[in-house]
């Protein structure tokens, strides 16, 4: 039997997940800085529990075009990760890696976003594995560029099995020299039974 997801509103559980978000975001910022060989500052991640209907508004509305990078993970816990960026942040992220004269979502852009997303998501999973001593492997990333409502339908279907609420981790990375900002949202989506395993490994009982 899996966790009743509405219990996540418990302050202790939310604090634990917030700490996971903080450590994962810090490692992701370090990995990004190493990859682009530039200094990256990071704002304190914001961990929120929202009604799923509220989430598209964070991304500019359900019809706003965004970039979603999706991964599966498996091992001691199973589930998926989605990293969502609006278009300006996605372009800024690629330009940090290799400045260009255009800002189109061409083949180079999508390839670069997959690679960067792979590094950022891998940093989160590595942090999670290190904190919990759980063995976790991550899949090859899949990328989609579509309206926010369509992109978010993937986690919406999954969370619909558990609750009308969704846990998101909002990160903002800033390249200090050019002051380019990347605002992204991580959706950590363990399978129903995996939430209980995850929290139990951190000493949280339900």
N, C-alpha and C. Protein backbone atom coordinates (compact mmCIF):
# COMPACT_ATOMS: atom_id res chain seq x y z
N UNK A 1 0.86 -1.21 0.00
CA UNK A 1 0.00 0.00 0.00
C UNK A 1 0.88 1.24 0.00
N UNK A 2 0.60 2.20 -0.89
CA UNK A 2 1.42 3.39 -1.01
C UNK A 2 0.97 4.50 -0.08
N UNK A 3 1.74 5.55 -0.08
CA UNK A 3 1.46 6.72 0.76
C UNK A 3 0.19 7.43 0.29
N UNK A 4 -0.59 7.96 1.23
CA UNK A 4 -1.67 8.87 0.88
C UNK A 4 -1.01 10.22 0.64
N UNK A 5 -1.02 10.67 -0.61
CA UNK A 5 -0.16 11.80 -0.96
C UNK A 5 -0.56 13.09 -0.24
N UNK A 6 -1.83 13.20 0.14
CA UNK A 6 -2.25 14.41 0.86
C UNK A 6 -1.51 14.57 2.19
N UNK A 7 -0.96 13.46 2.74
CA UNK A 7 -0.22 13.55 3.99
C UNK A 7 1.08 14.34 3.83
N UNK A 8 1.47 14.59 2.57
CA UNK A 8 2.72 15.30 2.33
C UNK A 8 2.65 16.71 2.90
N UNK A 9 1.43 17.19 3.17
CA UNK A 9 1.27 18.52 3.75
C UNK A 9 1.79 18.58 5.18
N UNK A 10 2.06 17.40 5.76
CA UNK A 10 2.67 17.34 7.08
C UNK A 10 3.98 18.13 7.07
N UNK A 11 4.16 19.01 8.08
CA UNK A 11 5.32 19.91 8.08
C UNK A 11 6.65 19.19 8.06
N UNK A 12 6.78 18.08 8.81
CA UNK A 12 8.04 17.36 8.87
C UNK A 12 8.38 16.76 7.51
N UNK A 13 7.38 16.16 6.86
CA UNK A 13 7.62 15.55 5.56
C UNK A 13 8.00 16.61 4.54
N UNK A 14 7.32 17.74 4.56
CA UNK A 14 7.63 18.80 3.61
C UNK A 14 9.03 19.35 3.86
N UNK A 15 9.44 19.43 5.13
CA UNK A 15 10.79 19.89 5.45
C UNK A 15 11.84 18.93 4.89
N UNK A 16 11.59 17.63 5.00
CA UNK A 16 12.52 16.63 4.47
C UNK A 16 12.64 16.77 2.95
N UNK A 17 11.50 16.91 2.28
CA UNK A 17 11.53 17.04 0.82
C UNK A 17 12.16 18.36 0.40
N UNK A 18 11.97 19.39 1.22
CA UNK A 18 12.61 20.68 0.92
C UNK A 18 14.13 20.56 1.02
N UNK A 19 14.61 19.79 2.01
CA UNK A 19 16.05 19.59 2.16
C UNK A 19 16.62 18.82 0.96
N UNK A 20 15.87 17.82 0.49
CA UNK A 20 16.29 17.11 -0.71
C UNK A 20 16.40 18.09 -1.88
N UNK A 21 15.41 18.98 -1.99
CA UNK A 21 15.44 19.98 -3.06
C UNK A 21 16.63 20.91 -2.95
N UNK A 22 16.96 21.34 -1.72
CA UNK A 22 18.10 22.24 -1.52
C UNK A 22 19.41 21.59 -1.92
N UNK A 23 19.62 20.36 -1.47
CA UNK A 23 20.88 19.67 -1.76
C UNK A 23 20.97 19.33 -3.25
N UNK A 24 19.86 18.86 -3.80
CA UNK A 24 19.87 18.53 -5.23
C UNK A 24 20.13 19.74 -6.09
N UNK A 25 19.51 20.88 -5.75
CA UNK A 25 19.71 22.10 -6.53
C UNK A 25 21.15 22.60 -6.42
N UNK A 26 21.72 22.50 -5.21
CA UNK A 26 23.11 22.91 -5.04
C UNK A 26 24.05 22.09 -5.89
N UNK A 27 23.86 20.78 -5.92
CA UNK A 27 24.69 19.90 -6.75
C UNK A 27 24.45 20.17 -8.23
N UNK A 28 23.19 20.45 -8.60
CA UNK A 28 22.89 20.76 -9.99
C UNK A 28 23.59 22.05 -10.43
N UNK A 29 23.58 23.08 -9.57
CA UNK A 29 24.26 24.34 -9.89
C UNK A 29 25.76 24.12 -10.05
N UNK A 30 26.35 23.30 -9.18
CA UNK A 30 27.79 23.01 -9.29
C UNK A 30 28.10 22.28 -10.59
N UNK A 31 27.24 21.30 -10.94
CA UNK A 31 27.44 20.56 -12.19
C UNK A 31 27.32 21.46 -13.40
N UNK A 32 26.33 22.37 -13.37
CA UNK A 32 26.14 23.29 -14.49
C UNK A 32 27.33 24.23 -14.62
N UNK A 33 27.82 24.76 -13.50
CA UNK A 33 28.98 25.66 -13.52
C UNK A 33 30.20 24.95 -14.10
N UNK A 34 30.39 23.68 -13.72
CA UNK A 34 31.53 22.91 -14.23
C UNK A 34 31.40 22.69 -15.73
N UNK A 35 30.17 22.42 -16.17
CA UNK A 35 29.93 22.13 -17.58
C UNK A 35 30.21 23.34 -18.47
N UNK A 36 29.78 24.53 -18.03
CA UNK A 36 29.94 25.72 -18.87
C UNK A 36 31.17 26.54 -18.50
N UNK A 37 31.86 26.11 -17.42
CA UNK A 37 33.07 26.81 -16.96
C UNK A 37 32.79 28.27 -16.64
N UNK A 38 31.66 28.51 -15.97
CA UNK A 38 31.28 29.85 -15.55
C UNK A 38 30.71 29.78 -14.14
N UNK A 39 30.76 30.91 -13.44
CA UNK A 39 30.21 30.96 -12.08
C UNK A 39 28.69 31.00 -12.12
N UNK A 40 28.07 30.13 -11.36
CA UNK A 40 26.62 30.06 -11.29
C UNK A 40 26.16 30.32 -9.85
N UNK A 41 25.28 31.29 -9.68
CA UNK A 41 24.64 31.52 -8.39
C UNK A 41 23.27 30.85 -8.41
N UNK A 42 22.80 30.53 -7.25
CA UNK A 42 21.51 29.84 -7.15
C UNK A 42 20.67 30.46 -6.05
N UNK A 43 19.43 30.77 -6.37
CA UNK A 43 18.51 31.20 -5.32
C UNK A 43 18.05 29.98 -4.53
N UNK A 44 17.63 30.21 -3.31
CA UNK A 44 17.15 29.10 -2.48
C UNK A 44 15.95 28.46 -3.18
N UNK A 45 15.98 27.15 -3.40
CA UNK A 45 14.86 26.49 -4.08
C UNK A 45 13.55 26.68 -3.30
N UNK A 46 12.48 26.77 -4.05
CA UNK A 46 11.15 26.89 -3.47
C UNK A 46 10.43 25.56 -3.65
N UNK A 47 10.06 24.94 -2.56
CA UNK A 47 9.33 23.67 -2.60
C UNK A 47 7.87 23.96 -2.26
N UNK A 48 6.98 23.60 -3.17
CA UNK A 48 5.57 23.94 -2.98
C UNK A 48 4.71 22.70 -3.17
N UNK A 49 3.62 22.69 -2.44
CA UNK A 49 2.56 21.72 -2.67
C UNK A 49 1.37 22.50 -3.21
N UNK A 50 1.02 22.25 -4.47
CA UNK A 50 -0.03 23.00 -5.13
C UNK A 50 -1.11 22.07 -5.66
N UNK A 51 -2.31 22.62 -5.80
CA UNK A 51 -3.33 21.92 -6.57
C UNK A 51 -2.85 21.86 -8.02
N UNK A 52 -3.03 20.71 -8.66
CA UNK A 52 -2.45 20.56 -10.00
C UNK A 52 -2.99 21.60 -10.98
N UNK A 53 -4.22 22.04 -10.77
CA UNK A 53 -4.79 23.04 -11.67
C UNK A 53 -4.05 24.37 -11.61
N UNK A 54 -3.31 24.61 -10.52
CA UNK A 54 -2.59 25.87 -10.36
C UNK A 54 -1.24 25.86 -11.08
N UNK A 55 -0.72 24.68 -11.38
CA UNK A 55 0.65 24.57 -11.88
C UNK A 55 0.87 25.26 -13.22
N UNK A 56 -0.03 25.11 -14.23
CA UNK A 56 0.24 25.77 -15.51
C UNK A 56 0.43 27.28 -15.40
N UNK A 57 -0.21 27.91 -14.41
CA UNK A 57 -0.05 29.36 -14.26
C UNK A 57 1.38 29.74 -13.89
N UNK A 58 2.10 28.85 -13.21
CA UNK A 58 3.51 29.11 -12.90
C UNK A 58 4.34 29.22 -14.17
N UNK A 59 3.86 28.57 -15.23
CA UNK A 59 4.60 28.52 -16.49
C UNK A 59 4.01 29.45 -17.54
N UNK A 60 3.21 30.42 -17.09
CA UNK A 60 2.67 31.41 -18.01
C UNK A 60 1.32 31.07 -18.59
N UNK A 61 0.68 30.04 -18.06
CA UNK A 61 -0.64 29.64 -18.54
C UNK A 61 -0.57 28.36 -19.35
N UNK A 62 -1.69 27.62 -19.46
CA UNK A 62 -1.69 26.31 -20.11
C UNK A 62 -1.33 26.34 -21.59
N UNK A 63 -1.50 27.49 -22.25
CA UNK A 63 -1.20 27.57 -23.68
C UNK A 63 0.20 28.11 -23.97
N UNK A 64 0.92 28.48 -22.92
CA UNK A 64 2.29 28.97 -23.11
C UNK A 64 3.21 27.81 -23.49
N UNK A 65 4.04 28.01 -24.51
CA UNK A 65 4.93 26.96 -24.98
C UNK A 65 6.13 26.85 -24.04
N UNK A 66 6.39 25.63 -23.58
CA UNK A 66 7.49 25.37 -22.65
C UNK A 66 8.29 24.16 -23.15
N UNK A 67 9.39 23.92 -22.48
CA UNK A 67 10.26 22.79 -22.79
C UNK A 67 10.22 21.82 -21.61
N UNK A 68 9.92 20.57 -21.87
CA UNK A 68 9.89 19.56 -20.82
C UNK A 68 10.90 18.46 -21.10
N UNK A 69 11.71 18.13 -20.12
CA UNK A 69 12.71 17.06 -20.24
C UNK A 69 12.31 15.97 -19.23
N UNK A 70 12.07 14.79 -19.74
CA UNK A 70 11.46 13.72 -18.95
C UNK A 70 12.42 12.54 -18.81
N UNK A 71 12.50 11.99 -17.58
CA UNK A 71 13.36 10.85 -17.28
C UNK A 71 12.59 9.84 -16.45
N UNK A 72 12.92 8.59 -16.64
CA UNK A 72 12.48 7.54 -15.71
C UNK A 72 13.64 7.19 -14.80
N UNK A 73 13.33 6.79 -13.56
CA UNK A 73 14.38 6.24 -12.70
C UNK A 73 13.88 4.95 -12.07
N UNK A 74 14.83 4.07 -11.77
CA UNK A 74 14.46 2.77 -11.22
C UNK A 74 15.57 2.27 -10.31
N UNK A 75 15.25 1.28 -9.52
CA UNK A 75 16.18 0.71 -8.56
C UNK A 75 15.43 0.41 -7.27
N UNK A 76 15.95 0.88 -6.14
CA UNK A 76 15.26 0.69 -4.87
C UNK A 76 13.95 1.46 -4.82
N UNK A 77 13.88 2.56 -5.57
CA UNK A 77 12.62 3.26 -5.79
C UNK A 77 12.46 3.50 -7.28
N UNK A 78 11.23 3.61 -7.73
CA UNK A 78 10.94 3.80 -9.15
C UNK A 78 10.07 5.03 -9.34
N UNK A 79 10.17 5.64 -10.50
CA UNK A 79 9.34 6.79 -10.79
C UNK A 79 9.90 7.59 -11.95
N UNK A 80 9.66 8.88 -11.94
CA UNK A 80 10.12 9.72 -13.02
C UNK A 80 10.42 11.13 -12.51
N UNK A 81 11.18 11.84 -13.32
CA UNK A 81 11.51 13.24 -13.07
C UNK A 81 11.13 14.02 -14.32
N UNK A 82 10.53 15.17 -14.14
CA UNK A 82 10.32 16.08 -15.25
C UNK A 82 10.91 17.44 -14.88
N UNK A 83 11.69 17.99 -15.80
CA UNK A 83 12.28 19.32 -15.63
C UNK A 83 11.66 20.21 -16.68
N UNK A 84 10.95 21.26 -16.26
CA UNK A 84 10.21 22.13 -17.18
C UNK A 84 10.77 23.54 -17.15
N UNK A 85 10.98 24.10 -18.35
CA UNK A 85 11.50 25.46 -18.52
C UNK A 85 10.60 26.22 -19.48
N UNK A 86 10.43 27.54 -19.24
CA UNK A 86 9.79 28.34 -20.27
C UNK A 86 10.80 28.59 -21.39
N UNK A 87 10.34 29.12 -22.52
CA UNK A 87 11.23 29.27 -23.69
C UNK A 87 12.44 30.18 -23.42
N UNK A 88 12.25 31.36 -22.79
CA UNK A 88 13.42 32.21 -22.54
C UNK A 88 14.48 31.52 -21.68
N UNK A 89 14.03 30.78 -20.65
CA UNK A 89 14.99 30.08 -19.79
C UNK A 89 15.70 28.97 -20.55
N UNK A 90 14.96 28.26 -21.41
CA UNK A 90 15.57 27.18 -22.19
C UNK A 90 16.64 27.74 -23.12
N UNK A 91 16.34 28.87 -23.78
CA UNK A 91 17.31 29.49 -24.68
C UNK A 91 18.52 29.99 -23.89
N UNK A 92 18.28 30.63 -22.73
CA UNK A 92 19.39 31.10 -21.89
C UNK A 92 20.27 29.94 -21.45
N UNK A 93 19.64 28.81 -21.14
CA UNK A 93 20.40 27.64 -20.69
C UNK A 93 21.34 27.15 -21.79
N UNK A 94 20.84 27.09 -23.01
CA UNK A 94 21.68 26.65 -24.14
C UNK A 94 22.76 27.68 -24.43
N UNK A 95 22.40 28.97 -24.36
CA UNK A 95 23.38 30.03 -24.65
C UNK A 95 24.51 30.06 -23.62
N UNK A 96 24.22 29.62 -22.40
CA UNK A 96 25.29 29.53 -21.40
C UNK A 96 26.33 28.50 -21.82
N UNK A 97 25.85 27.45 -22.46
CA UNK A 97 26.75 26.40 -22.93
C UNK A 97 27.51 26.84 -24.16
N UNK A 98 26.79 27.44 -25.13
CA UNK A 98 27.42 27.87 -26.37
C UNK A 98 26.62 29.02 -26.97
N UNK A 99 27.08 30.27 -26.78
CA UNK A 99 26.35 31.42 -27.32
C UNK A 99 26.17 31.31 -28.83
N UNK A 100 24.98 31.72 -29.30
CA UNK A 100 24.66 31.62 -30.73
C UNK A 100 24.05 32.92 -31.23
N UNK A 101 23.91 33.01 -32.56
CA UNK A 101 23.33 34.21 -33.16
C UNK A 101 21.81 34.12 -33.24
N UNK A 102 21.26 32.92 -33.10
CA UNK A 102 19.81 32.78 -33.19
C UNK A 102 19.26 32.22 -31.88
N UNK A 103 17.95 32.27 -31.75
CA UNK A 103 17.31 31.77 -30.54
C UNK A 103 16.20 30.79 -30.90
N UNK A 104 16.45 29.97 -31.92
CA UNK A 104 15.45 29.01 -32.37
C UNK A 104 15.66 27.66 -31.70
N UNK A 105 14.57 26.89 -31.64
CA UNK A 105 14.66 25.53 -31.12
C UNK A 105 15.02 24.60 -32.27
N UNK A 106 16.30 24.66 -32.67
CA UNK A 106 16.76 23.82 -33.75
C UNK A 106 17.32 22.51 -33.18
N UNK A 107 17.91 21.69 -34.06
CA UNK A 107 18.43 20.38 -33.65
C UNK A 107 19.52 20.52 -32.59
N UNK A 108 20.38 21.54 -32.75
CA UNK A 108 21.44 21.75 -31.76
C UNK A 108 20.85 22.08 -30.39
N UNK A 109 19.82 22.95 -30.39
CA UNK A 109 19.21 23.37 -29.13
C UNK A 109 18.60 22.19 -28.39
N UNK A 110 17.84 21.37 -29.10
CA UNK A 110 17.21 20.23 -28.45
C UNK A 110 18.24 19.23 -27.93
N UNK A 111 19.31 19.02 -28.71
CA UNK A 111 20.37 18.11 -28.27
C UNK A 111 21.06 18.65 -27.01
N UNK A 112 21.35 19.95 -27.01
CA UNK A 112 22.01 20.58 -25.86
C UNK A 112 21.12 20.53 -24.63
N UNK A 113 19.81 20.77 -24.80
CA UNK A 113 18.89 20.75 -23.68
C UNK A 113 18.80 19.35 -23.07
N UNK A 114 18.81 18.33 -23.91
CA UNK A 114 18.80 16.96 -23.39
C UNK A 114 20.05 16.69 -22.55
N UNK A 115 21.20 17.13 -23.05
CA UNK A 115 22.45 16.88 -22.35
C UNK A 115 22.50 17.65 -21.02
N UNK A 116 22.10 18.92 -21.06
CA UNK A 116 22.10 19.71 -19.83
C UNK A 116 21.08 19.17 -18.84
N UNK A 117 19.89 18.84 -19.35
CA UNK A 117 18.87 18.27 -18.49
C UNK A 117 19.31 16.97 -17.87
N UNK A 118 20.05 16.17 -18.63
CA UNK A 118 20.57 14.90 -18.13
C UNK A 118 21.51 15.14 -16.95
N UNK A 119 22.36 16.15 -17.06
CA UNK A 119 23.32 16.47 -15.99
C UNK A 119 22.59 17.00 -14.75
N UNK A 120 21.61 17.89 -14.96
CA UNK A 120 20.88 18.45 -13.82
C UNK A 120 20.06 17.38 -13.10
N UNK A 121 19.32 16.58 -13.87
CA UNK A 121 18.52 15.52 -13.25
C UNK A 121 19.41 14.48 -12.59
N UNK A 122 20.55 14.19 -13.23
CA UNK A 122 21.49 13.24 -12.63
C UNK A 122 22.02 13.74 -11.31
N UNK A 123 22.22 15.07 -11.19
CA UNK A 123 22.68 15.65 -9.93
C UNK A 123 21.64 15.47 -8.83
N UNK A 124 20.37 15.66 -9.19
CA UNK A 124 19.30 15.45 -8.22
C UNK A 124 19.25 13.99 -7.75
N UNK A 125 19.32 13.09 -8.71
CA UNK A 125 19.23 11.66 -8.37
C UNK A 125 20.44 11.24 -7.53
N UNK A 126 21.63 11.76 -7.89
CA UNK A 126 22.83 11.43 -7.11
C UNK A 126 22.69 11.94 -5.67
N UNK A 127 22.13 13.14 -5.51
CA UNK A 127 21.90 13.69 -4.17
C UNK A 127 20.91 12.84 -3.40
N UNK A 128 19.85 12.46 -4.07
CA UNK A 128 18.83 11.64 -3.44
C UNK A 128 19.40 10.29 -3.02
N UNK A 129 20.18 9.69 -3.89
CA UNK A 129 20.80 8.39 -3.60
C UNK A 129 21.77 8.51 -2.43
N UNK A 130 22.55 9.60 -2.40
CA UNK A 130 23.52 9.80 -1.33
C UNK A 130 22.86 10.02 0.02
N UNK A 131 21.74 10.74 0.02
CA UNK A 131 21.03 11.02 1.27
C UNK A 131 20.33 9.78 1.83
N UNK A 132 19.84 8.94 0.93
CA UNK A 132 18.98 7.84 1.36
C UNK A 132 19.67 6.48 1.37
N UNK A 133 20.87 6.42 0.75
CA UNK A 133 21.57 5.14 0.56
C UNK A 133 20.75 4.16 -0.29
N UNK A 134 19.90 4.71 -1.14
CA UNK A 134 19.13 3.89 -2.08
C UNK A 134 19.84 3.84 -3.42
N UNK A 135 19.80 2.69 -4.07
CA UNK A 135 20.38 2.55 -5.40
C UNK A 135 19.35 2.98 -6.44
N UNK A 136 19.71 4.01 -7.22
CA UNK A 136 18.77 4.58 -8.19
C UNK A 136 19.51 4.81 -9.51
N UNK A 137 18.93 4.36 -10.61
CA UNK A 137 19.47 4.59 -11.95
C UNK A 137 18.50 5.45 -12.74
N UNK A 138 19.06 6.28 -13.65
CA UNK A 138 18.24 7.20 -14.42
C UNK A 138 18.29 6.83 -15.91
N UNK A 139 17.20 7.07 -16.62
CA UNK A 139 17.11 6.70 -18.03
C UNK A 139 17.67 7.79 -18.93
N UNK A 140 17.70 7.49 -20.21
CA UNK A 140 18.03 8.50 -21.23
C UNK A 140 16.88 9.51 -21.26
N UNK A 141 17.19 10.81 -21.40
CA UNK A 141 16.11 11.82 -21.37
C UNK A 141 15.29 11.85 -22.65
N UNK A 142 14.01 12.19 -22.50
CA UNK A 142 13.14 12.48 -23.64
C UNK A 142 12.74 13.94 -23.53
N UNK A 143 12.73 14.65 -24.65
CA UNK A 143 12.45 16.09 -24.65
C UNK A 143 11.21 16.39 -25.46
N UNK A 144 10.37 17.29 -24.96
CA UNK A 144 9.19 17.74 -25.69
C UNK A 144 9.08 19.25 -25.57
N UNK A 145 8.69 19.89 -26.67
CA UNK A 145 8.42 21.33 -26.68
C UNK A 145 6.97 21.50 -27.09
N UNK A 146 6.16 21.97 -26.16
CA UNK A 146 4.71 22.00 -26.39
C UNK A 146 4.09 22.99 -25.41
N UNK A 147 2.77 23.13 -25.49
CA UNK A 147 2.07 23.99 -24.55
C UNK A 147 2.16 23.39 -23.14
N UNK A 148 2.18 24.26 -22.14
CA UNK A 148 2.35 23.80 -20.76
C UNK A 148 1.29 22.78 -20.36
N UNK A 149 0.06 23.00 -20.81
CA UNK A 149 -1.01 22.06 -20.47
C UNK A 149 -0.73 20.67 -20.98
N UNK A 150 -0.17 20.57 -22.19
CA UNK A 150 0.15 19.26 -22.77
C UNK A 150 1.35 18.63 -22.07
N UNK A 151 2.39 19.43 -21.81
CA UNK A 151 3.59 18.92 -21.14
C UNK A 151 3.24 18.38 -19.76
N UNK A 152 2.40 19.10 -19.04
CA UNK A 152 2.07 18.72 -17.67
C UNK A 152 1.07 17.57 -17.59
N UNK A 153 0.55 17.14 -18.72
CA UNK A 153 -0.41 16.03 -18.69
C UNK A 153 0.25 14.74 -18.23
N UNK A 154 1.57 14.59 -18.43
CA UNK A 154 2.27 13.37 -18.01
C UNK A 154 2.27 13.23 -16.49
N UNK A 155 2.80 14.22 -15.74
CA UNK A 155 2.70 14.09 -14.27
C UNK A 155 1.27 14.17 -13.77
N UNK A 156 0.39 14.85 -14.49
CA UNK A 156 -1.01 14.96 -14.05
C UNK A 156 -1.66 13.59 -14.01
N UNK A 157 -1.41 12.76 -15.01
CA UNK A 157 -1.97 11.42 -15.05
C UNK A 157 -1.45 10.60 -13.88
N UNK A 158 -0.14 10.72 -13.61
CA UNK A 158 0.46 9.94 -12.53
C UNK A 158 -0.08 10.38 -11.17
N UNK A 159 -0.07 11.68 -10.92
CA UNK A 159 -0.50 12.18 -9.61
C UNK A 159 -2.00 12.00 -9.42
N UNK A 160 -2.74 11.90 -10.52
CA UNK A 160 -4.17 11.70 -10.39
C UNK A 160 -4.52 10.41 -9.68
N UNK A 161 -3.58 9.46 -9.64
CA UNK A 161 -3.80 8.21 -8.93
C UNK A 161 -3.73 8.41 -7.42
N UNK A 162 -3.10 9.49 -6.99
CA UNK A 162 -2.81 9.67 -5.57
C UNK A 162 -3.50 10.87 -4.96
N UNK A 163 -3.56 11.98 -5.71
CA UNK A 163 -4.04 13.22 -5.09
C UNK A 163 -4.27 14.26 -6.17
N UNK A 164 -4.98 15.32 -5.81
CA UNK A 164 -5.11 16.47 -6.70
C UNK A 164 -3.94 17.43 -6.53
N UNK A 165 -3.04 17.13 -5.58
CA UNK A 165 -1.91 18.00 -5.31
C UNK A 165 -0.63 17.48 -5.95
N UNK A 166 0.32 18.38 -6.16
CA UNK A 166 1.60 18.00 -6.76
C UNK A 166 2.72 18.73 -6.03
N UNK A 167 3.83 18.03 -5.84
CA UNK A 167 5.00 18.62 -5.21
C UNK A 167 5.96 19.09 -6.30
N UNK A 168 6.34 20.37 -6.27
CA UNK A 168 7.28 20.89 -7.25
C UNK A 168 8.45 21.56 -6.54
N UNK A 169 9.60 21.53 -7.20
CA UNK A 169 10.80 22.19 -6.69
C UNK A 169 11.20 23.24 -7.72
N UNK A 170 11.07 24.51 -7.38
CA UNK A 170 11.40 25.60 -8.29
C UNK A 170 12.83 26.05 -8.04
N UNK A 171 13.63 26.09 -9.12
CA UNK A 171 15.02 26.51 -9.03
C UNK A 171 15.27 27.69 -9.94
N UNK A 172 16.10 28.62 -9.48
CA UNK A 172 16.58 29.70 -10.35
C UNK A 172 18.09 29.74 -10.29
N UNK A 173 18.72 29.54 -11.45
CA UNK A 173 20.17 29.61 -11.59
C UNK A 173 20.51 30.90 -12.33
N UNK A 174 21.56 31.59 -11.88
CA UNK A 174 21.94 32.86 -12.50
C UNK A 174 23.42 32.82 -12.84
N UNK A 175 23.73 33.02 -14.12
CA UNK A 175 25.13 33.14 -14.54
C UNK A 175 25.56 34.57 -14.23
N UNK A 176 26.51 34.73 -13.33
CA UNK A 176 26.77 36.04 -12.72
C UNK A 176 27.38 37.05 -13.69
N UNK A 177 28.21 36.61 -14.64
CA UNK A 177 28.89 37.55 -15.53
C UNK A 177 27.92 38.25 -16.46
N UNK A 178 27.05 37.46 -17.11
CA UNK A 178 26.10 38.04 -18.07
C UNK A 178 24.71 38.22 -17.46
N UNK A 179 24.55 37.81 -16.22
CA UNK A 179 23.28 37.93 -15.50
C UNK A 179 22.14 37.24 -16.23
N UNK A 180 22.44 36.12 -16.87
CA UNK A 180 21.39 35.33 -17.52
C UNK A 180 20.76 34.41 -16.49
N UNK A 181 19.44 34.39 -16.50
CA UNK A 181 18.71 33.63 -15.50
C UNK A 181 18.00 32.44 -16.13
N UNK A 182 18.02 31.34 -15.42
CA UNK A 182 17.31 30.13 -15.85
C UNK A 182 16.37 29.73 -14.72
N UNK A 183 15.08 29.78 -15.00
CA UNK A 183 14.07 29.46 -14.00
C UNK A 183 13.42 28.15 -14.40
N UNK A 184 13.61 27.11 -13.60
CA UNK A 184 13.10 25.79 -13.97
C UNK A 184 12.35 25.14 -12.83
N UNK A 185 11.55 24.15 -13.19
CA UNK A 185 10.72 23.45 -12.22
C UNK A 185 10.97 21.95 -12.32
N UNK A 186 11.36 21.35 -11.19
CA UNK A 186 11.55 19.91 -11.12
C UNK A 186 10.29 19.27 -10.52
N UNK A 187 9.79 18.25 -11.20
CA UNK A 187 8.72 17.42 -10.67
C UNK A 187 9.34 16.07 -10.33
N UNK A 188 9.44 15.75 -9.05
CA UNK A 188 9.92 14.45 -8.61
C UNK A 188 8.69 13.56 -8.40
N UNK A 189 8.60 12.50 -9.19
CA UNK A 189 7.37 11.72 -9.26
C UNK A 189 7.65 10.25 -8.96
N UNK A 190 7.88 9.90 -7.70
CA UNK A 190 8.04 8.47 -7.38
C UNK A 190 6.72 7.72 -7.59
N UNK A 191 6.83 6.41 -7.88
CA UNK A 191 5.64 5.58 -7.90
C UNK A 191 5.01 5.58 -6.51
N UNK A 192 3.77 5.15 -6.44
CA UNK A 192 3.02 5.25 -5.18
C UNK A 192 3.76 4.58 -4.02
N UNK A 193 4.22 3.35 -4.23
CA UNK A 193 4.89 2.64 -3.13
C UNK A 193 6.26 3.23 -2.81
N UNK A 194 6.87 3.91 -3.79
CA UNK A 194 8.23 4.40 -3.59
C UNK A 194 8.29 5.59 -2.64
N UNK A 195 7.23 6.38 -2.53
CA UNK A 195 7.25 7.51 -1.60
C UNK A 195 7.47 7.02 -0.17
N UNK A 196 6.78 5.93 0.18
CA UNK A 196 6.93 5.40 1.53
C UNK A 196 8.35 4.89 1.77
N UNK A 197 8.93 4.23 0.76
CA UNK A 197 10.32 3.75 0.85
C UNK A 197 11.27 4.94 0.98
N UNK A 198 11.06 5.96 0.15
CA UNK A 198 11.92 7.14 0.16
C UNK A 198 11.92 7.83 1.52
N UNK A 199 10.74 8.11 2.03
CA UNK A 199 10.65 8.80 3.32
C UNK A 199 11.14 7.92 4.47
N UNK A 200 10.86 6.61 4.39
CA UNK A 200 11.34 5.69 5.42
C UNK A 200 12.84 5.65 5.49
N UNK A 201 13.52 5.75 4.33
CA UNK A 201 14.97 5.74 4.30
C UNK A 201 15.57 6.98 4.96
N UNK A 202 14.75 8.03 5.08
CA UNK A 202 15.17 9.27 5.72
C UNK A 202 14.68 9.37 7.16
N UNK A 203 14.13 8.26 7.66
CA UNK A 203 13.70 8.22 9.06
C UNK A 203 12.34 8.82 9.33
N UNK A 204 11.56 9.03 8.25
CA UNK A 204 10.22 9.62 8.42
C UNK A 204 9.20 8.49 8.35
N UNK A 205 8.41 8.34 9.38
CA UNK A 205 7.36 7.33 9.40
C UNK A 205 6.02 7.97 9.20
N UNK A 206 5.15 7.24 8.52
CA UNK A 206 3.83 7.79 8.19
C UNK A 206 2.75 7.18 9.08
